Protein backbone atom coordinates (compact mmCIF):
# COMPACT_ATOMS: atom_id res chain seq x y z
CA MET A 1 22.75 49.88 -34.27
CA ALA A 2 22.00 52.29 -31.44
CA LEU A 3 21.12 50.85 -28.05
CA ASN A 4 18.45 52.59 -25.98
CA ALA A 5 16.21 51.75 -23.00
CA ARG A 6 12.42 51.47 -23.43
CA LEU A 7 9.54 50.75 -21.07
CA ASN A 8 6.98 48.25 -22.46
CA LEU A 9 3.72 46.94 -21.00
CA ARG A 10 3.01 43.25 -21.54
CA GLN A 11 0.09 41.14 -20.31
CA THR A 12 0.73 37.42 -19.70
CA GLN A 13 -0.89 34.52 -17.87
CA SER A 14 1.06 32.13 -15.64
CA LEU A 15 0.33 29.54 -12.99
CA LYS A 16 1.47 30.61 -9.54
CA MET A 17 2.36 27.58 -7.38
CA THR A 18 1.68 28.91 -3.90
CA PRO A 19 2.38 26.75 -0.82
CA GLN A 20 -1.37 26.29 -0.37
CA LEU A 21 -1.76 25.06 -3.96
CA LEU A 22 1.06 22.57 -3.47
CA GLN A 23 -0.51 21.45 -0.20
CA SER A 24 -3.86 20.77 -1.83
CA ILE A 25 -2.19 18.78 -4.61
CA LYS A 26 -0.24 16.68 -2.10
CA LEU A 27 -3.35 16.00 -0.03
CA LEU A 28 -4.95 14.20 -2.98
CA GLN A 29 -2.12 11.70 -3.38
CA PHE A 30 -1.44 11.10 0.32
CA THR A 31 -2.11 7.61 1.64
CA GLN A 32 -4.26 7.27 4.74
CA LEU A 33 -1.18 6.91 6.98
CA GLU A 34 0.64 9.83 5.36
CA LEU A 35 -2.48 11.96 5.72
CA GLU A 36 -2.75 11.17 9.43
CA GLN A 37 0.90 12.10 9.96
CA PHE A 38 0.44 15.33 8.01
CA ILE A 39 -2.64 16.27 10.04
CA GLU A 40 -0.78 15.60 13.30
CA SER A 41 2.07 17.88 12.23
CA GLN A 42 -0.38 20.63 11.26
CA VAL A 43 -2.23 20.35 14.58
CA GLU A 44 1.08 20.65 16.44
CA SER A 45 2.10 23.80 14.57
CA ASN A 46 -1.30 25.52 14.35
CA PRO A 47 -3.03 26.34 17.68
CA LEU A 48 -6.40 26.84 15.94
CA LEU A 49 -6.59 23.29 14.53
CA ARG A 50 -8.24 20.53 16.54
CA GLN A 51 -8.59 16.81 15.89
CA THR A 52 -12.07 15.79 16.88
CA SER A 53 -13.52 12.60 18.28
CA THR A 54 -16.87 11.57 19.67
CA SER A 55 -16.08 13.14 22.99
CA ASP A 56 -14.65 16.28 21.39
CA ASP A 57 -17.60 17.17 19.18
CA SER A 58 -19.07 19.38 21.88
CA TYR A 59 -15.85 20.82 23.20
CA THR A 60 -16.96 24.32 22.20
CA ASP A 61 -19.43 24.23 25.10
CA ARG A 62 -16.79 23.65 27.74
CA ASP A 63 -16.89 25.10 31.24
CA ASN A 64 -20.71 25.16 31.23
CA GLY A 65 -20.90 28.38 29.31
CA ALA A 66 -18.24 30.20 31.26
CA ALA A 67 -16.01 30.29 28.25
CA ASP A 68 -18.87 31.63 26.16
CA SER A 69 -19.36 34.46 28.63
CA GLN A 70 -15.68 35.25 28.58
CA SER A 71 -15.53 35.17 24.79
CA ASN A 72 -18.60 37.42 24.54
CA ALA A 73 -16.97 39.91 26.87
CA SER A 74 -13.79 39.75 24.84
CA ALA A 75 -15.78 40.30 21.68
CA GLU A 76 -17.30 43.46 23.10
CA ARG A 77 -13.86 44.80 23.96
CA ASN A 78 -12.44 43.98 20.54
CA THR A 79 -15.38 44.40 18.19
CA ASP A 80 -13.37 45.84 15.34
CA TRP A 81 -10.68 43.15 15.47
CA ASP A 82 -13.14 40.23 15.66
CA ASN A 83 -15.46 41.51 12.97
CA ALA A 84 -12.53 42.07 10.64
CA ASP A 85 -10.86 38.68 11.04
CA LEU A 86 -13.59 36.23 11.98
CA GLU A 87 -15.12 36.81 8.54
CA VAL A 88 -13.61 33.75 6.85
CA SER A 89 -14.98 34.14 3.34
CA ALA A 90 -13.53 32.91 0.09
CA ALA A 91 -12.31 36.42 -0.72
CA ALA A 92 -10.63 36.76 2.69
CA ILE A 93 -8.78 33.46 2.31
CA SER A 94 -7.72 34.28 -1.23
CA ASP A 95 -6.40 37.66 -0.08
CA LYS A 96 -4.50 36.22 2.85
CA LEU A 97 -2.97 33.28 1.00
CA ASP A 98 -2.41 35.06 -2.31
CA SER A 99 -4.31 32.41 -4.27
CA SER A 100 -7.89 32.03 -5.42
CA LEU A 101 -10.01 29.11 -4.30
CA GLU A 102 -11.15 28.61 -7.88
CA ASN A 103 -7.58 27.57 -8.76
CA ILE A 104 -7.77 24.65 -6.36
CA PHE A 105 -11.46 23.81 -6.02
CA PRO A 106 -13.18 24.37 -9.39
CA ASP A 107 -16.16 22.32 -8.20
CA ASP A 108 -16.48 24.22 -4.92
CA PRO A 109 -15.22 27.81 -5.29
CA GLY A 110 -16.66 28.86 -1.94
CA ASN A 111 -19.41 31.10 -3.21
CA GLY A 112 -21.98 29.55 -0.94
CA ASP A 113 -21.91 28.47 2.67
CA GLY A 114 -19.37 25.74 1.95
CA ALA A 115 -21.64 22.92 3.08
CA LEU A 116 -20.96 19.54 1.57
CA PRO A 117 -23.72 17.50 0.00
CA VAL A 118 -24.66 14.54 2.16
CA GLN A 119 -25.65 12.56 -0.95
CA MET A 120 -24.76 12.95 -4.61
CA GLN A 121 -26.69 11.02 -7.24
CA HIS A 122 -24.40 10.33 -10.20
CA ASP A 123 -26.43 7.61 -11.87
CA ASN A 124 -29.85 6.09 -11.40
CA ASN A 125 -28.31 2.85 -10.13
CA ILE A 126 -25.33 4.29 -8.21
CA THR A 127 -25.58 6.19 -4.95
CA SER A 128 -22.56 8.05 -3.59
CA SER A 129 -22.61 9.35 -0.08
CA LEU A 130 -20.39 11.08 2.41
CA PRO A 131 -20.74 9.74 5.96
CA GLY A 132 -20.92 13.21 7.49
CA LEU A 133 -18.48 16.04 7.01
CA PRO A 134 -14.86 14.92 7.21
CA SER A 135 -14.10 17.88 9.49
CA SER A 136 -16.73 17.07 12.08
CA SER A 137 -17.56 13.37 11.86
CA ALA A 138 -16.70 11.30 14.91
CA PRO A 139 -14.46 8.25 14.73
CA ASP A 140 -15.31 4.87 16.12
CA ASP A 141 -14.20 4.25 19.67
CA ASP A 142 -14.00 0.52 18.95
CA PHE A 143 -10.99 -1.35 20.19
CA LEU A 144 -8.48 -2.01 17.40
CA LEU A 145 -6.35 -5.08 17.99
CA GLU A 146 -3.68 -4.01 15.47
CA ASN A 147 -2.93 -0.95 17.62
CA VAL A 148 -1.73 -3.14 20.50
CA ALA A 149 2.02 -3.59 20.60
CA GLN A 150 2.97 -7.25 20.75
CA SER A 151 5.82 -8.44 22.92
CA GLN A 152 7.86 -10.76 20.71
CA LEU A 153 11.18 -12.49 21.12
CA THR A 154 13.90 -11.65 18.64
CA LEU A 155 16.09 -14.24 16.97
CA ARG A 156 18.98 -13.15 19.19
CA ASP A 157 16.85 -13.66 22.32
CA VAL A 158 15.97 -17.21 21.24
CA ILE A 159 19.60 -18.11 20.49
CA GLU A 160 20.93 -16.59 23.72
CA GLN A 161 18.44 -18.64 25.73
CA GLN A 162 19.99 -21.82 24.29
CA THR A 163 23.72 -21.04 24.43
CA PRO A 164 24.16 -21.57 28.23
CA PHE A 165 23.19 -25.21 27.72
CA ILE A 166 25.63 -25.68 24.83
CA PHE A 167 28.85 -23.95 25.93
CA ARG A 168 30.61 -24.31 29.25
CA THR A 169 33.83 -22.30 28.84
CA ILE A 170 34.30 -18.55 28.67
CA PRO A 171 36.25 -18.63 25.34
CA ASP A 172 33.45 -20.60 23.69
CA HIS A 173 30.88 -18.09 24.99
CA ALA A 174 32.98 -15.22 23.61
CA ILE A 175 33.18 -16.85 20.16
CA ALA A 176 29.45 -17.63 20.27
CA ASN A 177 28.64 -13.97 21.00
CA GLU A 178 30.73 -12.90 18.01
CA LEU A 179 28.86 -15.32 15.74
CA ILE A 180 25.49 -14.25 17.14
CA ASP A 181 26.38 -10.65 16.30
CA ALA A 182 27.05 -11.78 12.73
CA LEU A 183 23.51 -13.15 12.23
CA ASP A 184 21.45 -11.33 9.62
CA GLU A 185 17.65 -11.07 9.54
CA ARG A 186 17.37 -14.35 7.59
CA GLY A 187 19.27 -16.28 10.28
CA TYR A 188 22.42 -16.68 8.16
CA ALA A 189 25.90 -16.18 9.67
CA ASP A 190 27.91 -13.67 7.64
CA PHE A 191 31.20 -13.35 9.51
CA ASP A 192 34.90 -12.74 8.92
CA LEU A 193 36.73 -15.81 10.22
CA ALA A 194 40.13 -14.13 10.24
CA GLY A 195 38.74 -11.06 12.01
CA ILE A 196 37.19 -13.13 14.83
CA CYS A 197 40.42 -15.09 15.30
CA GLU A 198 42.41 -11.86 15.53
CA ARG A 199 40.05 -10.18 18.00
CA LEU A 200 39.74 -13.19 20.32
CA SER A 201 43.21 -14.68 19.79
CA CYS A 202 41.80 -18.07 18.90
CA ASP A 203 42.29 -20.64 16.15
CA PRO A 204 39.98 -20.98 13.12
CA GLU A 205 39.23 -24.55 14.19
CA ASP A 206 37.80 -23.24 17.48
CA VAL A 207 35.50 -20.80 15.66
CA LEU A 208 34.26 -23.48 13.26
CA ALA A 209 33.64 -25.88 16.16
CA VAL A 210 31.53 -23.28 17.95
CA LEU A 211 29.69 -22.54 14.69
CA GLU A 212 28.89 -26.24 14.29
CA SER A 213 27.45 -26.30 17.80
CA LEU A 214 25.38 -23.18 17.16
CA GLN A 215 23.92 -24.79 14.05
CA THR A 216 22.12 -27.24 16.35
CA CYS A 217 20.06 -24.38 17.84
CA ASP A 218 16.41 -23.80 17.09
CA PRO A 219 15.03 -22.86 14.65
CA ALA A 220 16.62 -25.40 12.36
CA GLY A 221 18.79 -23.86 9.66
CA VAL A 222 20.19 -20.90 11.62
CA PHE A 223 23.90 -20.03 11.37
CA ALA A 224 24.06 -21.38 7.81
CA ARG A 225 26.43 -19.59 5.48
CA ASP A 226 24.35 -20.01 2.31
CA LEU A 227 21.02 -21.39 1.13
CA SER A 228 22.38 -24.86 0.42
CA GLU A 229 23.79 -25.22 3.94
CA CYS A 230 20.55 -23.87 5.46
CA LEU A 231 18.46 -26.52 3.69
CA ARG A 232 21.07 -29.17 4.47
CA LEU A 233 20.87 -28.44 8.20
CA GLN A 234 17.10 -28.75 8.15
CA CYS A 235 17.22 -32.03 6.22
CA ALA A 236 19.76 -33.40 8.69
CA ARG A 237 17.47 -32.39 11.58
CA ASN A 238 14.65 -34.33 9.86
CA GLU A 239 16.96 -37.30 9.19
CA ARG A 240 16.48 -36.95 5.43
CA LEU A 241 20.00 -36.01 4.37
CA ASP A 242 20.74 -39.09 2.27
CA PRO A 243 23.27 -39.05 -0.62
CA ALA A 244 20.59 -38.27 -3.23
CA MET A 245 19.26 -35.30 -1.23
CA SER A 246 22.82 -34.09 -0.59
CA THR A 247 23.55 -34.17 -4.31
CA LEU A 248 20.34 -32.29 -5.04
CA LEU A 249 21.27 -29.56 -2.53
CA ASP A 250 24.66 -29.24 -4.17
CA ASN A 251 22.94 -28.48 -7.50
CA LEU A 252 20.33 -25.92 -6.60
CA ASP A 253 21.21 -23.98 -9.74
CA LEU A 254 19.78 -26.84 -11.83
CA LEU A 255 16.68 -26.84 -9.65
CA ALA A 256 16.24 -23.11 -10.32
CA LYS A 257 16.39 -23.85 -14.05
CA ARG A 258 13.84 -26.68 -13.62
CA ASP A 259 16.25 -29.08 -15.31
CA PHE A 260 14.66 -32.15 -13.74
CA LYS A 261 16.07 -34.58 -16.28
CA THR A 262 19.67 -33.72 -15.40
CA LEU A 263 18.87 -33.74 -11.69
CA SER A 264 17.39 -37.23 -11.94
CA GLN A 265 20.55 -38.48 -13.62
CA ILE A 266 23.09 -36.99 -11.23
CA CYS A 267 21.03 -37.89 -8.13
CA GLY A 268 20.45 -41.42 -9.37
CA VAL A 269 16.68 -41.37 -8.78
CA ASP A 270 13.62 -41.67 -11.01
CA ASP A 271 11.04 -38.95 -11.61
CA SER A 272 8.78 -40.09 -8.77
CA ASP A 273 11.56 -40.01 -6.16
CA LEU A 274 12.72 -36.64 -7.47
CA LEU A 275 9.21 -35.22 -7.01
CA ASP A 276 9.17 -36.49 -3.43
CA MET A 277 12.52 -34.83 -2.76
CA LEU A 278 11.29 -31.56 -4.25
CA ALA A 279 8.17 -31.73 -2.07
CA GLU A 280 10.39 -32.10 1.01
CA ILE A 281 12.48 -29.10 0.00
CA LYS A 282 9.33 -27.01 -0.47
CA ARG A 283 8.38 -27.72 3.15
CA LEU A 284 11.69 -26.31 4.41
CA ASP A 285 12.21 -22.68 5.44
CA PRO A 286 14.95 -20.94 3.39
CA ARG A 287 14.96 -17.96 5.80
CA PRO A 288 14.40 -19.32 9.32
CA GLY A 289 15.24 -16.03 11.00
CA LEU A 290 12.38 -14.08 9.42
CA GLN A 291 9.82 -15.70 11.74
CA PHE A 292 11.28 -13.54 14.52
CA GLU A 293 11.27 -10.30 12.52
CA LEU A 294 9.69 -7.49 14.53
CA SER A 295 7.89 -5.78 11.68
CA GLY A 296 4.43 -4.71 12.79
CA THR A 297 1.44 -5.63 10.71
CA GLN A 298 0.31 -2.80 8.47
CA ALA A 299 -3.43 -3.12 8.04
CA ILE A 300 -4.73 -1.51 4.85
CA VAL A 301 -7.57 0.87 5.59
CA HIS A 302 -9.84 1.17 2.58
CA ASP A 303 -10.88 4.65 1.52
CA VAL A 304 -14.14 3.71 -0.19
CA GLU A 305 -16.64 0.90 0.35
CA VAL A 306 -18.89 -0.44 -2.41
CA THR A 307 -21.96 -2.44 -1.39
CA GLN A 308 -24.90 -3.79 -3.33
CA THR A 309 -28.36 -2.65 -2.28
CA PRO A 310 -31.33 -5.07 -2.13
CA ASP A 311 -32.65 -3.72 -5.45
CA GLY A 312 -29.37 -4.62 -7.22
CA ASN A 313 -27.91 -1.12 -7.36
CA TRP A 314 -24.51 -0.03 -6.04
CA ARG A 315 -23.89 2.23 -3.07
CA ILE A 316 -20.50 3.96 -2.72
CA GLU A 317 -19.56 5.32 0.71
CA LEU A 318 -16.42 6.95 1.99
CA ASN A 319 -14.88 5.09 4.92
CA SER A 320 -15.18 7.38 7.94
CA ASP A 321 -12.13 5.71 9.55
CA ALA A 322 -9.97 6.87 6.63
CA LEU A 323 -11.21 10.48 6.73
CA PRO A 324 -9.27 13.08 8.72
CA LYS A 325 -11.31 14.79 11.40
CA VAL A 326 -10.17 18.34 12.04
CA ILE A 327 -12.01 21.56 12.75
CA VAL A 328 -11.02 25.18 13.23
CA ASP A 329 -11.29 26.21 16.89
CA ARG A 330 -12.87 29.63 16.40
CA GLN A 331 -13.79 29.88 20.09
CA TYR A 332 -10.12 29.67 21.03
CA TYR A 333 -9.38 32.25 18.35
CA ASN A 334 -12.02 34.50 19.88
CA GLU A 335 -10.47 34.14 23.33
CA ILE A 336 -6.98 34.99 22.08
CA SER A 337 -8.11 37.94 20.03
CA GLY A 338 -9.81 39.34 23.14
CA ALA A 339 -6.44 39.97 24.75
CA LYS A 340 -4.15 42.86 23.95
CA LEU A 341 -1.98 41.60 21.13
CA LYS A 342 0.96 43.11 19.36
CA LYS A 343 0.87 43.63 15.63
CA ASP A 344 3.03 40.59 14.84
CA GLU A 345 0.93 38.43 17.19
CA LYS A 346 -2.27 39.51 15.46
CA SER A 347 -0.67 38.71 12.11
CA PHE A 348 0.37 35.25 13.34
CA ILE A 349 -3.14 34.46 14.60
CA ALA A 350 -4.66 35.68 11.34
CA ASP A 351 -2.28 33.48 9.35
CA CYS A 352 -3.16 30.48 11.52
CA LEU A 353 -6.86 31.10 10.98
CA ALA A 354 -6.47 31.37 7.23
CA SER A 355 -4.25 28.26 7.02
CA ALA A 356 -6.57 26.22 9.24
CA THR A 357 -9.62 27.21 7.21
CA TRP A 358 -7.82 26.41 3.98
CA LEU A 359 -6.80 22.98 5.29
CA GLU A 360 -10.33 22.25 6.49
CA ARG A 361 -11.71 23.15 3.09
CA SER A 362 -8.99 21.17 1.27
CA LEU A 363 -9.83 18.02 3.22
CA ASP A 364 -13.51 18.41 2.45
CA GLN A 365 -12.78 18.84 -1.24
CA ARG A 366 -10.41 15.85 -1.16
CA ALA A 367 -13.25 13.67 0.12
CA ILE A 368 -15.61 14.88 -2.61
CA THR A 369 -13.00 14.31 -5.34
CA ILE A 370 -12.29 10.74 -4.18
CA LEU A 371 -16.02 10.05 -4.13
CA LYS A 372 -16.50 11.40 -7.66
CA VAL A 373 -13.65 9.34 -9.10
CA THR A 374 -14.68 6.08 -7.42
CA THR A 375 -18.32 6.59 -8.39
CA GLU A 376 -17.35 6.90 -12.05
CA ILE A 377 -15.13 3.80 -11.76
CA VAL A 378 -18.06 1.78 -10.40
CA LYS A 379 -20.29 3.16 -13.13
CA GLN A 380 -17.93 2.14 -15.94
CA GLN A 381 -16.87 -1.18 -14.42
CA ASP A 382 -20.30 -2.40 -13.42
CA GLY A 383 -19.67 -5.75 -15.16
CA PHE A 384 -16.65 -6.46 -12.96
CA PHE A 385 -18.65 -6.13 -9.76
CA LEU A 386 -21.34 -8.43 -11.16
CA ASN A 387 -19.29 -11.10 -13.00
CA GLY A 388 -15.65 -10.76 -11.94
CA VAL A 389 -12.35 -10.15 -13.71
CA SER A 390 -13.56 -11.63 -16.99
CA SER A 391 -15.93 -8.65 -17.38
CA LEU A 392 -13.35 -5.97 -16.58
CA LYS A 393 -13.42 -3.33 -19.33
CA PRO A 394 -10.49 -1.34 -20.72
CA MET A 395 -10.46 2.02 -18.98
CA THR A 396 -8.00 4.90 -18.90
CA MET A 397 -7.71 7.80 -16.51
CA LYS A 398 -8.58 10.18 -19.33
CA MET A 399 -11.94 8.44 -19.77
CA VAL A 400 -12.77 8.99 -16.09
CA ALA A 401 -11.41 12.54 -16.13
CA ASP A 402 -13.56 13.49 -19.13
CA ALA A 403 -16.66 11.94 -17.57
CA ILE A 404 -16.36 13.89 -14.31
CA GLU A 405 -14.87 17.02 -15.97
CA MET A 406 -11.59 16.96 -14.10
CA HIS A 407 -7.98 16.92 -15.21
CA GLU A 408 -6.32 13.57 -15.85
CA SER A 409 -3.55 14.37 -13.34
CA THR A 410 -6.19 14.84 -10.62
CA VAL A 411 -7.61 11.38 -11.32
CA SER A 412 -4.08 9.95 -11.24
CA ARG A 413 -3.43 11.46 -7.82
CA VAL A 414 -6.73 10.18 -6.47
CA ALA A 415 -6.07 6.64 -7.75
CA SER A 416 -2.61 6.54 -6.19
CA ASN A 417 -2.51 4.38 -3.02
CA LYS A 418 -6.28 4.48 -2.49
CA TYR A 419 -8.21 1.28 -1.88
CA MET A 420 -11.79 0.21 -2.54
CA MET A 421 -13.55 -2.48 -0.51
CA THR A 422 -15.95 -4.38 -2.76
CA PRO A 423 -18.03 -7.57 -2.50
CA ARG A 424 -15.21 -9.20 -4.52
CA GLY A 425 -12.42 -8.12 -2.19
CA LEU A 426 -10.05 -5.21 -1.62
CA PHE A 427 -8.64 -3.52 -4.73
CA GLU A 428 -6.40 -0.53 -5.35
CA LEU A 429 -8.11 2.06 -7.53
CA ARG A 430 -5.34 1.75 -10.12
CA TYR A 431 -6.33 -1.90 -10.63
CA PHE A 432 -9.39 -0.79 -12.60
CA PHE A 433 -7.33 1.22 -15.10
CA THR A 434 -6.14 -1.26 -17.73
CA VAL A 435 -4.95 -1.08 -21.31
CA ALA A 436 -7.08 -2.41 -24.14
CA ILE A 437 -6.38 -5.59 -26.09
CA SER A 438 -7.99 -5.38 -29.52
CA GLY A 439 -10.73 -7.76 -30.54
CA VAL A 440 -10.68 -9.75 -33.76
CA ALA A 441 -11.42 -7.56 -36.78
CA GLY A 442 -15.15 -7.32 -37.31
CA GLY A 443 -15.77 -9.22 -34.10
CA SER A 444 -16.03 -8.36 -30.42
CA ASP A 445 -15.07 -5.15 -28.65
CA ASP A 446 -11.72 -4.47 -27.02
CA HIS A 447 -10.75 -6.51 -23.96
CA SER A 448 -9.08 -5.47 -20.71
CA SER A 449 -5.53 -6.70 -20.19
CA GLU A 450 -6.50 -8.02 -16.75
CA SER A 451 -9.36 -10.08 -18.19
CA VAL A 452 -6.98 -11.47 -20.84
CA LYS A 453 -4.48 -12.45 -18.12
CA GLN A 454 -7.26 -14.21 -16.23
CA ARG A 455 -8.27 -16.10 -19.39
CA ILE A 456 -4.64 -17.21 -19.96
CA ARG A 457 -4.50 -18.39 -16.35
CA ASP A 458 -7.73 -20.38 -16.78
CA LEU A 459 -6.57 -22.00 -20.04
CA ILE A 460 -3.29 -23.13 -18.47
CA LYS A 461 -5.10 -24.39 -15.37
CA ASP A 462 -7.40 -26.60 -17.47
CA GLU A 463 -4.69 -28.07 -19.73
CA SER A 464 -4.04 -31.82 -19.61
CA VAL A 465 -0.85 -33.87 -19.52
CA GLN A 466 -1.35 -34.91 -23.14
CA LYS A 467 -2.05 -31.36 -24.35
CA VAL A 468 0.07 -28.67 -22.73
CA LEU A 469 -0.58 -25.32 -24.42
CA SER A 470 2.39 -23.49 -25.89
CA ASP A 471 2.36 -19.70 -26.28
CA ASP A 472 1.34 -20.13 -29.93
CA ALA A 473 -1.51 -22.45 -28.89
CA LEU A 474 -2.63 -19.85 -26.32
CA VAL A 475 -2.66 -17.20 -29.07
CA ASP A 476 -4.87 -19.43 -31.24
CA ALA A 477 -7.23 -20.21 -28.34
CA LEU A 478 -7.61 -16.53 -27.49
CA ARG A 479 -8.17 -15.62 -31.14
CA GLU A 480 -11.04 -18.12 -31.27
CA GLU A 481 -12.60 -16.24 -28.36
CA GLY A 482 -12.32 -12.93 -30.22
CA ILE A 483 -9.08 -11.66 -28.63
CA GLU A 484 -6.36 -10.50 -31.02
CA ILE A 485 -3.04 -10.75 -29.21
CA ALA A 486 0.60 -11.24 -30.18
CA ARG A 487 2.67 -14.21 -29.02
CA ARG A 488 5.23 -11.97 -27.28
CA THR A 489 2.40 -10.35 -25.32
CA VAL A 490 1.17 -13.77 -24.17
CA ALA A 491 4.71 -14.66 -23.09
CA LYS A 492 5.03 -11.36 -21.23
CA TYR A 493 1.74 -11.86 -19.39
CA ARG A 494 2.61 -15.49 -18.56
CA GLU A 495 5.99 -14.52 -17.09
CA ALA A 496 4.39 -11.66 -15.14
CA MET A 497 2.02 -14.21 -13.56
CA ASN A 498 5.03 -16.42 -12.71
CA ILE A 499 3.81 -19.29 -14.92
CA ALA A 500 6.45 -21.61 -16.32
CA SER A 501 6.92 -22.23 -20.03
CA SER A 502 5.10 -25.07 -21.80
CA VAL A 503 8.26 -27.23 -21.81
CA GLN A 504 8.69 -26.92 -18.05
CA ARG A 505 4.98 -27.44 -17.38
CA ARG A 506 4.93 -30.56 -19.57
CA ARG A 507 7.93 -31.99 -17.69
CA GLU A 508 6.31 -31.32 -14.30
CA LYS A 509 2.92 -32.73 -15.34
CA LYS A 510 4.47 -35.92 -16.73
CA ALA A 511 6.48 -36.45 -13.55
CA GLN A 512 3.39 -35.82 -11.43
CA HIS A 513 1.32 -38.17 -13.61
CA THR A 514 3.95 -40.94 -13.28
CA SER A 515 4.03 -40.48 -9.52
CA ASP A 516 0.24 -40.68 -9.27
CA LYS A 517 0.16 -43.89 -11.34
CA LYS A 518 2.73 -45.54 -9.05
CA GLN A 519 0.76 -44.57 -5.95
CA HIS A 520 -2.40 -46.14 -7.39
């Protein structure tokens, strides 16, 4: 076969993942905190981006018009440059960034003036609204308590305040400092006894004596070497470390297995006394050091708020506090372009203008997309907002995507780490997407997995001592209510809700019933 070279023409279609396309995709799935950090980084790197506030909304009128006069004069000197680059149209952005707006914003391709709708009516009983444009709305100047840094003592500070009153000699202080360094965040002492003895040239008995003294420090339970010792120290502080309690603390593995019958035998107590001992253990702190942990409180800022209007309809509003507030400073661009710029400087400013405009438009479209998705969720889950979890319907992301004519992946990104404030509490958007549990053949419709979990929880809550429901009994009870479900699915849901098995629940209820009868 002879080999020869040929020139062929072929036409193909392919998706070009430009940096701007990737940026727009990431913006959808950013949390509120991640979005704020991203905006701050963009403002730092782009001189034409500004974060606005109430006091900044009129910053374009600074210097009492002097800046306007200067910019007008600059515009006259550089008419060609300004007219060419201040025209920020969809075509100009697409040219500059090598990507069409239609690829990113199919609902807002930029053919018009780019103005966002203040209200969008999706259903006759649902109103969705944007509280002003995300790029120009002003944030609240209210004082936020969670933004105030709290001065808090660490566990080490608390211990070091007590050691001068416990130890009098320098060697004891040196050993104490070594053991304090070995404290973990729980308040447990994880140290190498041989290593401390080698570094300080002391005997193991001296280290253990200092450790015993440190175990008298507040909070009770610090410097324990394991969970059993931590609870033992707290019981001793409360004067409740009797032989039965000591035996119970030596057999915490049986307590984890809920083997109360064996525990009663080896501790030499009846069911009532064992329940009292378990109640005391529950009041103890297994991690005493965590109360001094310096982890700041992360307040969840909801993205959407759902409220009920007086006529019984639902109103969906974007939370203005969760919306980024950036604008493109075209006045500053005008001032810079008025000066004599080199070719590379003009190119840099043009790139900054295109990137800033793209980001501004991306944030606006992000707000509209979140509003569309949440509005459809409220529309399809109307029963949940009226009656609670029992009325939650099965719903998939594809159902929402088809209803609003978007791709399923877009809905998935919107639902990720976004929160909705409702009259029934704060919920993540993903909470409303649940799988379907089939109804009984020829009977009711499909049921949401969350509503089935709630029904299992209610059935177990209402069971009596004489009739504790096994997983098979739960299956029969649910089938009578029109829910067709397998036993293994009931067991999986029960374990996911951290509910004990019927054998363990029966044992606990009988012990509690016996204790109540003795008290009466």
